[in-house]
Amino acid sequence: MSMGTAKRHRAPEGDDASEVSVPVVSETPDREVVEAGRVPRTREPQAAYRPLWREEPARRRRLPDPVRTAAVRAVIVVAVTLILAMVAFLCTLAESWLAFPMVLGSVAGTVVATWGVLDVWVTRQVWNQRHGVVSVPSSTARAMRRERRRARRQARRAERGQERIGRRGGTGQLSHP
């Protein structure tokens, strides 16, 4: 692509993209190539597709839905609290009558923001206890699942044993004729 430049073309009307960059190879050879006595072949304009970004696998697993919801809520509350604190500070500098109500609002916001952050932590802990942590070998949830599977297997065995007894056709007789 050393021999070409990228020309900008306007997108057709009604298209979302305003400009599209398409690499075009220039028709004139480079000066160095001509001086060396070699004349390169003229290439067709190439419109190679190159994505803007490359997908990479996530490094960490996605947060569970309840934890993510609590985290979003906490971030919003913390952001509003910081805005309230900044407005309270600026109103105090300007000696405005709004300074006192804003200080009260930012104190209340601090309490709510603290609750929001604790909510994220508690929600995460509860989710981990209920659903188990796969990476920890001594997970209590894993042991509980193992016990439940064992109990289900025993119940199925007992049920199969009862079915076999019923299928034998015995009507209470101790011996068959």
C-alpha atoms as a PDB file:
ATOM      1  CA  MET A   1       0.000   0.000   0.000  1.00  0.00           C
ATOM      2  CA  SER A   2       3.049   2.233  -0.222  1.00  0.00           C
ATOM      3  CA  MET A   3       2.170   3.146  -3.777  1.00  0.00           C
ATOM      4  CA  GLY A   4      -1.386   4.194  -3.129  1.00  0.00           C
ATOM      5  CA  THR A   5      -3.395   6.683  -1.176  1.00  0.00           C
ATOM      6  CA  ALA A   6      -6.777   6.471   0.431  1.00  0.00           C
ATOM      7  CA  LYS A   7      -9.430   8.554  -1.284  1.00  0.00           C
ATOM      8  CA  ARG A   8     -12.515   9.702   0.564  1.00  0.00           C
ATOM      9  CA  HIS A   9     -15.855   9.087  -1.093  1.00  0.00           C
ATOM     10  CA  ARG A  10     -19.212  10.392  -0.001  1.00  0.00           C
ATOM     11  CA  ALA A  11     -21.741   7.749   0.984  1.00  0.00           C
ATOM     12  CA  PRO A  12     -25.002   7.501  -0.953  1.00  0.00           C
ATOM     13  CA  GLU A  13     -27.931   9.502   0.330  1.00  0.00           C
ATOM     14  CA  GLY A  14     -29.833   7.862   3.163  1.00  0.00           C
ATOM     15  CA  ASP A  15     -26.812   5.810   4.251  1.00  0.00           C
ATOM     16  CA  ASP A  16     -25.740   5.903   7.891  1.00  0.00           C
ATOM     17  CA  ALA A  17     -22.061   6.406   7.129  1.00  0.00           C
ATOM     18  CA  SER A  18     -21.101   9.906   6.086  1.00  0.00           C
ATOM     19  CA  GLU A  19     -17.742   9.015   4.554  1.00  0.00           C
ATOM     20  CA  VAL A  20     -16.137   5.777   3.464  1.00  0.00           C
ATOM     21  CA  SER A  21     -12.387   5.289   3.124  1.00  0.00           C
ATOM     22  CA  VAL A  22     -11.398   3.101   0.159  1.00  0.00           C
ATOM     23  CA  PRO A  23      -7.725   2.437  -0.633  1.00  0.00           C
ATOM     24  CA  VAL A  24      -6.868   3.190  -4.268  1.00  0.00           C
ATOM     25  CA  VAL A  25      -3.551   2.305  -5.871  1.00  0.00           C
ATOM     26  CA  SER A  26      -2.062   5.177  -7.840  1.00  0.00           C
ATOM     27  CA  GLU A  27      -1.399   4.632 -11.539  1.00  0.00           C
ATOM     28  CA  THR A  28       2.066   6.238 -11.448  1.00  0.00           C
ATOM     29  CA  PRO A  29       4.977   4.096 -10.249  1.00  0.00           C
ATOM     30  CA  ASP A  30       7.240   5.155  -7.394  1.00  0.00           C
ATOM     31  CA  ARG A  31      10.349   7.119  -8.306  1.00  0.00           C
ATOM     32  CA  GLU A  32      12.685   4.552  -6.690  1.00  0.00           C
ATOM     33  CA  VAL A  33      11.269   1.718  -8.792  1.00  0.00           C
ATOM     34  CA  VAL A  34      11.613   3.640 -12.076  1.00  0.00           C
ATOM     35  CA  GLU A  35      15.206   4.684 -11.267  1.00  0.00           C
ATOM     36  CA  ALA A  36      16.114   1.034 -10.640  1.00  0.00           C
ATOM     37  CA  GLY A  37      14.975   0.240 -14.184  1.00  0.00           C
ATOM     38  CA  ARG A  38      11.977  -1.838 -13.184  1.00  0.00           C
ATOM     39  CA  VAL A  39       8.518  -0.701 -14.134  1.00  0.00           C
ATOM     40  CA  PRO A  40       5.855  -2.310 -11.942  1.00  0.00           C
ATOM     41  CA  ARG A  41       2.642  -3.671 -13.346  1.00  0.00           C
ATOM     42  CA  THR A  42      -0.383  -1.441 -12.896  1.00  0.00           C
ATOM     43  CA  ARG A  43      -2.726  -2.903 -10.293  1.00  0.00           C
ATOM     44  CA  GLU A  44      -6.464  -2.742 -10.178  1.00  0.00           C
ATOM     45  CA  PRO A  45      -7.896  -0.595  -7.373  1.00  0.00           C
ATOM     46  CA  GLN A  46      -8.295  -2.842  -4.338  1.00  0.00           C
ATOM     47  CA  ALA A  47     -11.104  -2.377  -1.891  1.00  0.00           C
ATOM     48  CA  ALA A  48      -9.924  -4.773   0.803  1.00  0.00           C
ATOM     49  CA  TYR A  49     -12.267  -5.172   3.747  1.00  0.00           C
ATOM     50  CA  ARG A  50     -10.566  -4.478   7.053  1.00  0.00           C
ATOM     51  CA  PRO A  51     -12.725  -4.463  10.173  1.00  0.00           C
ATOM     52  CA  LEU A  52     -12.437  -1.489  12.480  1.00  0.00           C
ATOM     53  CA  TRP A  53     -11.818  -3.719  15.498  1.00  0.00           C
ATOM     54  CA  ARG A  54     -10.973  -7.312  16.204  1.00  0.00           C
ATOM     55  CA  GLU A  55     -13.086  -9.478  18.495  1.00  0.00           C
ATOM     56  CA  GLU A  56     -11.155 -10.860  21.426  1.00  0.00           C
ATOM     57  CA  PRO A  57     -12.404 -13.359  23.985  1.00  0.00           C
ATOM     58  CA  ALA A  58     -13.403 -11.889  27.319  1.00  0.00           C
ATOM     59  CA  ARG A  59     -10.801 -12.207  30.031  1.00  0.00           C
ATOM     60  CA  ARG A  60     -13.360 -12.527  32.813  1.00  0.00           C
ATOM     61  CA  ARG A  61     -16.803 -14.046  32.878  1.00  0.00           C
ATOM     62  CA  ARG A  62     -19.817 -11.767  32.674  1.00  0.00           C
ATOM     63  CA  LEU A  63     -21.413 -10.721  35.963  1.00  0.00           C
ATOM     64  CA  PRO A  64     -24.703 -12.420  36.843  1.00  0.00           C
ATOM     65  CA  ASP A  65     -27.805 -10.350  36.037  1.00  0.00           C
ATOM     66  CA  PRO A  66     -28.785  -9.415  39.629  1.00  0.00           C
ATOM     67  CA  VAL A  67     -25.226  -8.350  40.449  1.00  0.00           C
ATOM     68  CA  ARG A  68     -24.915  -6.331  37.241  1.00  0.00           C
ATOM     69  CA  THR A  69     -28.247  -4.604  37.912  1.00  0.00           C
ATOM     70  CA  ALA A  70     -27.123  -3.662  41.425  1.00  0.00           C
ATOM     71  CA  ALA A  71     -23.785  -2.408  40.078  1.00  0.00           C
ATOM     72  CA  VAL A  72     -25.450  -0.190  37.456  1.00  0.00           C
ATOM     73  CA  ARG A  73     -27.796   1.205  40.083  1.00  0.00           C
ATOM     74  CA  ALA A  74     -24.846   1.924  42.406  1.00  0.00           C
ATOM     75  CA  VAL A  75     -22.867   3.683  39.667  1.00  0.00           C
ATOM     76  CA  ILE A  76     -25.815   5.937  38.828  1.00  0.00           C
ATOM     77  CA  VAL A  77     -26.398   6.815  42.491  1.00  0.00           C
ATOM     78  CA  VAL A  78     -22.698   7.549  43.046  1.00  0.00           C
ATOM     79  CA  ALA A  79     -22.583   9.751  39.929  1.00  0.00           C
ATOM     80  CA  VAL A  80     -25.630  11.755  41.024  1.00  0.00           C
ATOM     81  CA  THR A  81     -24.127  12.124  44.508  1.00  0.00           C
ATOM     82  CA  LEU A  82     -20.873  13.447  43.076  1.00  0.00           C
ATOM     83  CA  ILE A  83     -22.788  15.957  40.961  1.00  0.00           C
ATOM     84  CA  LEU A  84     -24.761  17.061  44.025  1.00  0.00           C
ATOM     85  CA  ALA A  85     -21.539  17.501  46.014  1.00  0.00           C
ATOM     86  CA  MET A  86     -19.967  19.558  43.214  1.00  0.00           C
ATOM     87  CA  VAL A  87     -23.041  21.789  42.936  1.00  0.00           C
ATOM     88  CA  ALA A  88     -23.058  22.216  46.731  1.00  0.00           C
ATOM     89  CA  PHE A  89     -19.401  23.223  46.663  1.00  0.00           C
ATOM     90  CA  LEU A  90     -19.909  25.717  43.834  1.00  0.00           C
ATOM     91  CA  CYS A  91     -23.009  27.175  45.516  1.00  0.00           C
ATOM     92  CA  THR A  92     -21.004  27.588  48.717  1.00  0.00           C
ATOM     93  CA  LEU A  93     -18.264  29.442  46.826  1.00  0.00           C
ATOM     94  CA  ALA A  94     -20.873  31.659  45.180  1.00  0.00           C
ATOM     95  CA  GLU A  95     -22.581  32.229  48.556  1.00  0.00           C
ATOM     96  CA  SER A  96     -25.880  31.177  47.047  1.00  0.00           C
ATOM     97  CA  TRP A  97     -28.951  30.316  49.100  1.00  0.00           C
ATOM     98  CA  LEU A  98     -28.963  26.890  47.377  1.00  0.00           C
ATOM     99  CA  ALA A  99     -25.769  25.858  49.185  1.00  0.00           C
ATOM    100  CA  PHE A 100     -27.504  24.534  52.320  1.00  0.00           C
ATOM    101  CA  PRO A 101     -30.142  22.416  50.527  1.00  0.00           C
ATOM    102  CA  MET A 102     -27.432  21.047  48.219  1.00  0.00           C
ATOM    103  CA  VAL A 103     -25.235  20.102  51.181  1.00  0.00           C
ATOM    104  CA  LEU A 104     -28.188  18.280  52.750  1.00  0.00           C
ATOM    105  CA  GLY A 105     -28.872  16.556  49.443  1.00  0.00           C
ATOM    106  CA  SER A 106     -25.256  15.491  49.049  1.00  0.00           C
ATOM    107  CA  VAL A 107     -25.200  14.078  52.599  1.00  0.00           C
ATOM    108  CA  ALA A 108     -28.350  12.090  51.861  1.00  0.00           C
ATOM    109  CA  GLY A 109     -26.839  11.029  48.529  1.00  0.00           C
ATOM    110  CA  THR A 110     -23.721   9.812  50.322  1.00  0.00           C
ATOM    111  CA  VAL A 111     -25.855   7.598  52.559  1.00  0.00           C
ATOM    112  CA  VAL A 112     -27.763   6.218  49.563  1.00  0.00           C
ATOM    113  CA  ALA A 113     -24.529   5.696  47.586  1.00  0.00           C
ATOM    114  CA  THR A 114     -23.026   3.764  50.485  1.00  0.00           C
ATOM    115  CA  TRP A 115     -26.149   1.600  50.587  1.00  0.00           C
ATOM    116  CA  GLY A 116     -25.858   1.046  46.808  1.00  0.00           C
ATOM    117  CA  VAL A 117     -22.249  -0.124  47.005  1.00  0.00           C
ATOM    118  CA  LEU A 118     -23.068  -2.433  49.921  1.00  0.00           C
ATOM    119  CA  ASP A 119     -26.023  -3.742  47.916  1.00  0.00           C
ATOM    120  CA  VAL A 120     -23.669  -4.777  45.112  1.00  0.00           C
ATOM    121  CA  TRP A 121     -21.412  -6.577  47.571  1.00  0.00           C
ATOM    122  CA  VAL A 122     -24.272  -8.382  49.347  1.00  0.00           C
ATOM    123  CA  THR A 123     -25.975  -9.332  46.063  1.00  0.00           C
ATOM    124  CA  ARG A 124     -22.730 -10.805  44.782  1.00  0.00           C
ATOM    125  CA  GLN A 125     -22.193 -12.797  47.969  1.00  0.00           C
ATOM    126  CA  VAL A 126     -25.767 -14.124  47.929  1.00  0.00           C
ATOM    127  CA  TRP A 127     -25.505 -15.114  44.267  1.00  0.00           C
ATOM    128  CA  ASN A 128     -22.228 -16.949  44.911  1.00  0.00           C
ATOM    129  CA  GLN A 129     -23.744 -18.835  47.848  1.00  0.00           C
ATOM    130  CA  ARG A 130     -26.867 -19.852  45.942  1.00  0.00           C
ATOM    131  CA  HIS A 131     -25.235 -20.845  42.676  1.00  0.00           C
ATOM    132  CA  GLY A 132     -21.816 -21.909  43.843  1.00  0.00           C
ATOM    133  CA  VAL A 133     -18.389 -20.857  42.729  1.00  0.00           C
ATOM    134  CA  VAL A 134     -17.091 -23.248  40.136  1.00  0.00           C
ATOM    135  CA  SER A 135     -13.414 -22.370  40.595  1.00  0.00           C
ATOM    136  CA  VAL A 136     -13.278 -23.158  44.325  1.00  0.00           C
ATOM    137  CA  PRO A 137     -12.862 -26.881  45.034  1.00  0.00           C
ATOM    138  CA  SER A 138     -14.366 -26.677  48.531  1.00  0.00           C
ATOM    139  CA  SER A 139     -17.504 -24.939  47.385  1.00  0.00           C
ATOM    140  CA  THR A 140     -20.438 -25.720  49.684  1.00  0.00           C
ATOM    141  CA  ALA A 141     -22.838 -25.425  46.769  1.00  0.00           C
ATOM    142  CA  ARG A 142     -20.991 -28.193  44.934  1.00  0.00           C
ATOM    143  CA  ALA A 143     -21.253 -30.506  47.946  1.00  0.00           C
ATOM    144  CA  MET A 144     -24.977 -29.748  48.229  1.00  0.00           C
ATOM    145  CA  ARG A 145     -25.489 -30.569  44.539  1.00  0.00           C
ATOM    146  CA  ARG A 146     -23.594 -33.823  45.012  1.00  0.00           C
ATOM    147  CA  GLU A 147     -25.855 -34.774  47.934  1.00  0.00           C
ATOM    148  CA  ARG A 148     -28.993 -33.932  45.941  1.00  0.00           C
ATOM    149  CA  ARG A 149     -27.817 -36.079  43.019  1.00  0.00           C
ATOM    150  CA  ARG A 150     -27.087 -38.978  45.373  1.00  0.00           C
ATOM    151  CA  ALA A 151     -30.571 -38.676  46.942  1.00  0.00           C
ATOM    152  CA  ARG A 152     -32.224 -38.602  43.486  1.00  0.00           C
ATOM    153  CA  ARG A 153     -30.311 -41.724  42.408  1.00  0.00           C
ATOM    154  CA  GLN A 154     -31.407 -43.584  45.533  1.00  0.00           C
ATOM    155  CA  ALA A 155     -35.022 -42.511  45.004  1.00  0.00           C
ATOM    156  CA  ARG A 156     -34.901 -43.764  41.390  1.00  0.00           C
ATOM    157  CA  ARG A 157     -33.408 -47.098  42.501  1.00  0.00           C
ATOM    158  CA  ALA A 158     -36.148 -47.548  45.102  1.00  0.00           C
ATOM    159  CA  GLU A 159     -38.807 -46.652  42.523  1.00  0.00           C
ATOM    160  CA  ARG A 160     -37.404 -49.177  40.027  1.00  0.00           C
ATOM    161  CA  GLY A 161     -37.367 -51.830  42.744  1.00  0.00           C
ATOM    162  CA  GLN A 162     -41.051 -51.192  43.481  1.00  0.00           C
ATOM    163  CA  GLU A 163     -41.890 -51.429  39.755  1.00  0.00           C
ATOM    164  CA  ARG A 164     -40.130 -54.803  39.489  1.00  0.00           C
ATOM    165  CA  ILE A 165     -42.093 -56.161  42.414  1.00  0.00           C
ATOM    166  CA  GLY A 166     -45.369 -55.027  40.784  1.00  0.00           C
ATOM    167  CA  ARG A 167     -44.440 -56.527  37.390  1.00  0.00           C
ATOM    168  CA  ARG A 168     -43.796 -60.010  38.713  1.00  0.00           C
ATOM    169  CA  GLY A 169     -47.550 -60.557  38.756  1.00  0.00           C
ATOM    170  CA  GLY A 170     -47.577 -61.790  42.298  1.00  0.00           C
ATOM    171  CA  THR A 171     -50.997 -61.426  43.881  1.00  0.00           C
ATOM    172  CA  GLY A 172     -49.774 -62.081  47.334  1.00  0.00           C
ATOM    173  CA  GLN A 173     -48.921 -65.741  46.654  1.00  0.00           C
ATOM    174  CA  LEU A 174     -45.851 -67.119  48.320  1.00  0.00           C
ATOM    175  CA  SER A 175     -45.256 -69.782  45.708  1.00  0.00           C
ATOM    176  CA  HIS A 176     -46.165 -70.237  42.078  1.00  0.00           C
ATOM    177  CA  PRO A 177     -48.203 -73.300  40.904  1.00  0.00           C
END
